[in-house]
């Protein structure tokens, strides 16, 4: 199984979108500052993920979620969560 995930920085609220085949391990890597792109904004919370059957599907979905339309989709999907967390 492969995953697309969204994490949110506790430091400034920014989001990071990524993909992995081991969600727990990847989140741990982000929070242990082992990721170049996210180490300056630790700690991170997992706020959303989707499971995909294969890596090709995962990459395609990740690309969409990083697009303008994909970001709007995520904001609408996570609206209730975002209102509860400020």
N, C-alpha and C. Protein backbone atom coordinates (compact mmCIF):
# COMPACT_ATOMS: atom_id res chain seq x y z
N UNK A 1 0.84 -1.18 0.00
CA UNK A 1 0.00 0.00 0.00
C UNK A 1 0.89 1.25 0.00
N UNK A 2 0.46 2.27 -0.70
CA UNK A 2 1.16 3.55 -0.77
C UNK A 2 0.23 4.64 -0.26
N UNK A 3 0.80 5.73 0.21
CA UNK A 3 0.02 6.79 0.83
C UNK A 3 0.44 8.16 0.33
N UNK A 4 -0.54 9.04 0.19
CA UNK A 4 -0.30 10.46 0.02
C UNK A 4 -0.69 11.07 1.35
N UNK A 5 0.11 11.98 1.85
CA UNK A 5 -0.18 12.54 3.17
C UNK A 5 0.01 14.05 3.18
N UNK A 6 -0.69 14.68 4.11
CA UNK A 6 -0.53 16.11 4.36
C UNK A 6 -0.14 16.24 5.83
N UNK A 7 0.95 16.94 6.07
CA UNK A 7 1.34 17.24 7.44
C UNK A 7 1.29 18.75 7.61
N UNK A 8 1.06 19.17 8.85
CA UNK A 8 0.97 20.59 9.15
C UNK A 8 2.00 20.93 10.23
N UNK A 9 2.76 21.99 9.98
CA UNK A 9 3.76 22.42 10.95
C UNK A 9 3.10 23.05 12.16
N UNK A 10 3.50 22.60 13.34
CA UNK A 10 3.02 23.23 14.57
C UNK A 10 3.66 24.59 14.77
N UNK A 11 4.78 24.81 14.08
CA UNK A 11 5.51 26.07 14.22
C UNK A 11 4.78 27.23 13.55
N UNK A 12 4.31 27.01 12.31
CA UNK A 12 3.68 28.12 11.59
C UNK A 12 2.41 27.75 10.82
N UNK A 13 1.97 26.50 10.93
CA UNK A 13 0.73 26.09 10.27
C UNK A 13 0.85 25.72 8.80
N UNK A 14 2.03 25.82 8.23
CA UNK A 14 2.20 25.47 6.81
C UNK A 14 1.99 23.98 6.58
N UNK A 15 1.56 23.65 5.37
CA UNK A 15 1.31 22.27 4.98
C UNK A 15 2.44 21.75 4.11
N UNK A 16 2.65 20.44 4.18
CA UNK A 16 3.58 19.75 3.29
C UNK A 16 2.85 18.51 2.77
N UNK A 17 2.91 18.31 1.47
CA UNK A 17 2.28 17.15 0.84
C UNK A 17 3.37 16.21 0.35
N UNK A 18 3.24 14.93 0.67
CA UNK A 18 4.24 13.95 0.24
C UNK A 18 3.61 12.59 0.03
N UNK A 19 4.44 11.63 -0.32
CA UNK A 19 3.96 10.26 -0.51
C UNK A 19 4.99 9.29 0.05
N UNK A 20 4.51 8.11 0.42
CA UNK A 20 5.38 7.11 1.03
C UNK A 20 4.70 5.75 1.00
N UNK A 21 5.47 4.71 1.29
CA UNK A 21 4.88 3.38 1.46
C UNK A 21 4.86 2.98 2.94
N UNK A 22 5.35 3.89 3.81
CA UNK A 22 5.34 3.63 5.25
C UNK A 22 5.04 4.94 5.98
N UNK A 23 3.78 5.18 6.24
CA UNK A 23 3.32 6.45 6.78
C UNK A 23 3.90 6.77 8.15
N UNK A 24 3.90 5.82 9.05
CA UNK A 24 4.43 6.07 10.41
C UNK A 24 5.92 6.42 10.38
N UNK A 25 6.67 5.65 9.59
CA UNK A 25 8.11 5.89 9.50
C UNK A 25 8.39 7.27 8.89
N UNK A 26 7.63 7.63 7.86
CA UNK A 26 7.86 8.91 7.19
C UNK A 26 7.55 10.09 8.11
N UNK A 27 6.45 10.01 8.86
CA UNK A 27 6.12 11.08 9.80
C UNK A 27 7.22 11.22 10.87
N UNK A 28 7.71 10.08 11.32
CA UNK A 28 8.81 10.09 12.30
C UNK A 28 10.05 10.78 11.71
N UNK A 29 10.35 10.50 10.45
CA UNK A 29 11.50 11.13 9.80
C UNK A 29 11.33 12.65 9.73
N UNK A 30 10.11 13.09 9.40
CA UNK A 30 9.86 14.53 9.35
C UNK A 30 10.10 15.16 10.73
N UNK A 31 9.60 14.52 11.76
CA UNK A 31 9.71 15.08 13.11
C UNK A 31 11.10 14.94 13.72
N UNK A 32 11.91 14.06 13.16
CA UNK A 32 13.31 13.93 13.61
C UNK A 32 14.27 14.74 12.74
N UNK A 33 13.68 15.63 11.93
CA UNK A 33 14.44 16.55 11.07
C UNK A 33 15.34 15.83 10.08
N UNK A 34 14.88 14.69 9.56
CA UNK A 34 15.65 13.93 8.58
C UNK A 34 15.21 14.22 7.14
N UNK A 35 14.31 15.18 6.97
CA UNK A 35 13.85 15.58 5.65
C UNK A 35 14.32 17.01 5.37
N UNK A 36 15.03 17.19 4.29
CA UNK A 36 15.59 18.49 3.94
C UNK A 36 14.52 19.58 3.87
N UNK A 37 13.38 19.27 3.25
CA UNK A 37 12.35 20.28 3.01
C UNK A 37 11.56 20.65 4.25
N UNK A 38 11.53 19.80 5.25
CA UNK A 38 10.65 20.06 6.40
C UNK A 38 11.37 20.25 7.72
N UNK A 39 12.66 20.06 7.75
CA UNK A 39 13.36 20.06 9.04
C UNK A 39 13.30 21.39 9.77
N UNK A 40 13.18 22.50 9.05
CA UNK A 40 13.18 23.81 9.72
C UNK A 40 11.83 24.14 10.36
N UNK A 41 10.80 23.34 10.08
CA UNK A 41 9.47 23.66 10.59
C UNK A 41 8.91 22.60 11.54
N UNK A 42 9.76 21.79 12.15
CA UNK A 42 9.29 20.78 13.08
C UNK A 42 8.74 21.45 14.34
N UNK A 43 7.84 20.81 15.02
CA UNK A 43 7.24 19.49 14.80
C UNK A 43 6.06 19.55 13.82
N UNK A 44 5.69 18.37 13.33
CA UNK A 44 4.62 18.21 12.34
C UNK A 44 3.52 17.31 12.87
N UNK A 45 2.28 17.61 12.46
CA UNK A 45 1.13 16.74 12.73
C UNK A 45 0.59 16.21 11.42
N UNK A 46 0.23 14.93 11.39
CA UNK A 46 -0.44 14.36 10.23
C UNK A 46 -1.88 14.83 10.28
N UNK A 47 -2.35 15.52 9.21
CA UNK A 47 -3.73 16.01 9.21
C UNK A 47 -4.60 15.32 8.16
N UNK A 48 -3.98 14.59 7.22
CA UNK A 48 -4.77 13.95 6.16
C UNK A 48 -3.91 12.92 5.45
N UNK A 49 -4.53 11.83 5.04
CA UNK A 49 -3.83 10.89 4.16
C UNK A 49 -4.84 10.11 3.33
N UNK A 50 -4.36 9.60 2.21
CA UNK A 50 -5.13 8.73 1.32
C UNK A 50 -4.28 7.52 1.01
N UNK A 51 -4.91 6.37 0.94
CA UNK A 51 -4.22 5.14 0.57
C UNK A 51 -4.44 4.87 -0.91
N UNK A 52 -3.40 4.39 -1.58
CA UNK A 52 -3.47 4.05 -3.01
C UNK A 52 -2.95 2.63 -3.21
N UNK A 53 -3.38 2.03 -4.29
CA UNK A 53 -3.02 0.65 -4.57
C UNK A 53 -1.58 0.50 -5.03
N UNK A 54 -1.12 1.42 -5.88
CA UNK A 54 0.24 1.29 -6.39
C UNK A 54 0.94 2.65 -6.44
N UNK A 55 2.24 2.61 -6.69
CA UNK A 55 3.05 3.81 -6.66
C UNK A 55 2.69 4.78 -7.78
N UNK A 56 2.34 4.26 -8.94
CA UNK A 56 1.97 5.12 -10.06
C UNK A 56 0.72 5.93 -9.74
N UNK A 57 -0.29 5.29 -9.17
CA UNK A 57 -1.51 5.97 -8.76
C UNK A 57 -1.20 7.02 -7.69
N UNK A 58 -0.31 6.67 -6.78
CA UNK A 58 0.08 7.58 -5.70
C UNK A 58 0.73 8.84 -6.26
N UNK A 59 1.66 8.69 -7.18
CA UNK A 59 2.36 9.85 -7.77
C UNK A 59 1.38 10.76 -8.52
N UNK A 60 0.47 10.15 -9.24
CA UNK A 60 -0.52 10.92 -9.98
C UNK A 60 -1.42 11.72 -9.02
N UNK A 61 -1.88 11.08 -7.96
CA UNK A 61 -2.74 11.74 -6.98
C UNK A 61 -1.97 12.84 -6.24
N UNK A 62 -0.72 12.58 -5.90
CA UNK A 62 0.10 13.59 -5.23
C UNK A 62 0.27 14.82 -6.12
N UNK A 63 0.51 14.60 -7.40
CA UNK A 63 0.66 15.71 -8.34
C UNK A 63 -0.61 16.55 -8.38
N UNK A 64 -1.76 15.88 -8.41
CA UNK A 64 -3.04 16.60 -8.42
C UNK A 64 -3.21 17.41 -7.14
N UNK A 65 -2.95 16.80 -5.97
CA UNK A 65 -3.16 17.49 -4.70
C UNK A 65 -2.22 18.68 -4.52
N UNK A 66 -1.11 18.70 -5.25
CA UNK A 66 -0.19 19.83 -5.19
C UNK A 66 -0.56 20.93 -6.19
N UNK A 67 -1.52 20.66 -7.07
CA UNK A 67 -1.97 21.65 -8.05
C UNK A 67 -2.94 22.63 -7.38
N UNK A 68 -3.25 23.70 -8.07
CA UNK A 68 -4.21 24.68 -7.55
C UNK A 68 -5.56 24.07 -7.24
N UNK A 69 -6.07 23.27 -8.17
CA UNK A 69 -7.37 22.61 -7.95
C UNK A 69 -7.29 21.62 -6.79
N UNK A 70 -6.19 20.91 -6.69
CA UNK A 70 -6.01 19.95 -5.61
C UNK A 70 -5.94 20.62 -4.25
N UNK A 71 -5.29 21.77 -4.19
CA UNK A 71 -5.21 22.51 -2.92
C UNK A 71 -6.60 23.00 -2.51
N UNK A 72 -7.40 23.46 -3.49
CA UNK A 72 -8.78 23.87 -3.18
C UNK A 72 -9.60 22.69 -2.68
N UNK A 73 -9.43 21.53 -3.33
CA UNK A 73 -10.11 20.31 -2.90
C UNK A 73 -9.78 20.00 -1.43
N UNK A 74 -8.50 20.04 -1.10
CA UNK A 74 -8.07 19.73 0.27
C UNK A 74 -8.63 20.73 1.27
N UNK A 75 -8.61 22.02 0.94
CA UNK A 75 -9.14 23.02 1.86
C UNK A 75 -10.62 22.79 2.12
N UNK A 76 -11.37 22.45 1.07
CA UNK A 76 -12.79 22.14 1.25
C UNK A 76 -12.97 20.87 2.06
N UNK A 77 -12.20 19.87 1.77
CA UNK A 77 -12.30 18.59 2.48
C UNK A 77 -11.93 18.72 3.96
N UNK A 78 -10.97 19.58 4.25
CA UNK A 78 -10.48 19.73 5.62
C UNK A 78 -11.07 20.95 6.34
N UNK A 79 -12.06 21.57 5.76
CA UNK A 79 -12.64 22.81 6.32
C UNK A 79 -13.02 22.66 7.78
N UNK A 80 -13.73 21.60 8.14
CA UNK A 80 -14.17 21.41 9.52
C UNK A 80 -12.97 21.24 10.45
N UNK A 81 -12.01 20.43 10.04
CA UNK A 81 -10.80 20.24 10.84
C UNK A 81 -10.08 21.57 11.06
N UNK A 82 -9.94 22.34 9.99
CA UNK A 82 -9.22 23.60 10.08
C UNK A 82 -9.95 24.58 11.00
N UNK A 83 -11.27 24.57 10.99
CA UNK A 83 -12.01 25.48 11.86
C UNK A 83 -11.88 25.06 13.33
N UNK A 84 -11.72 23.78 13.59
CA UNK A 84 -11.58 23.30 14.97
C UNK A 84 -10.18 23.55 15.53
N UNK A 85 -9.19 23.61 14.65
CA UNK A 85 -7.81 23.77 15.12
C UNK A 85 -7.31 25.20 15.00
N UNK A 86 -8.13 26.07 14.47
CA UNK A 86 -7.73 27.49 14.41
C UNK A 86 -7.08 27.82 13.16
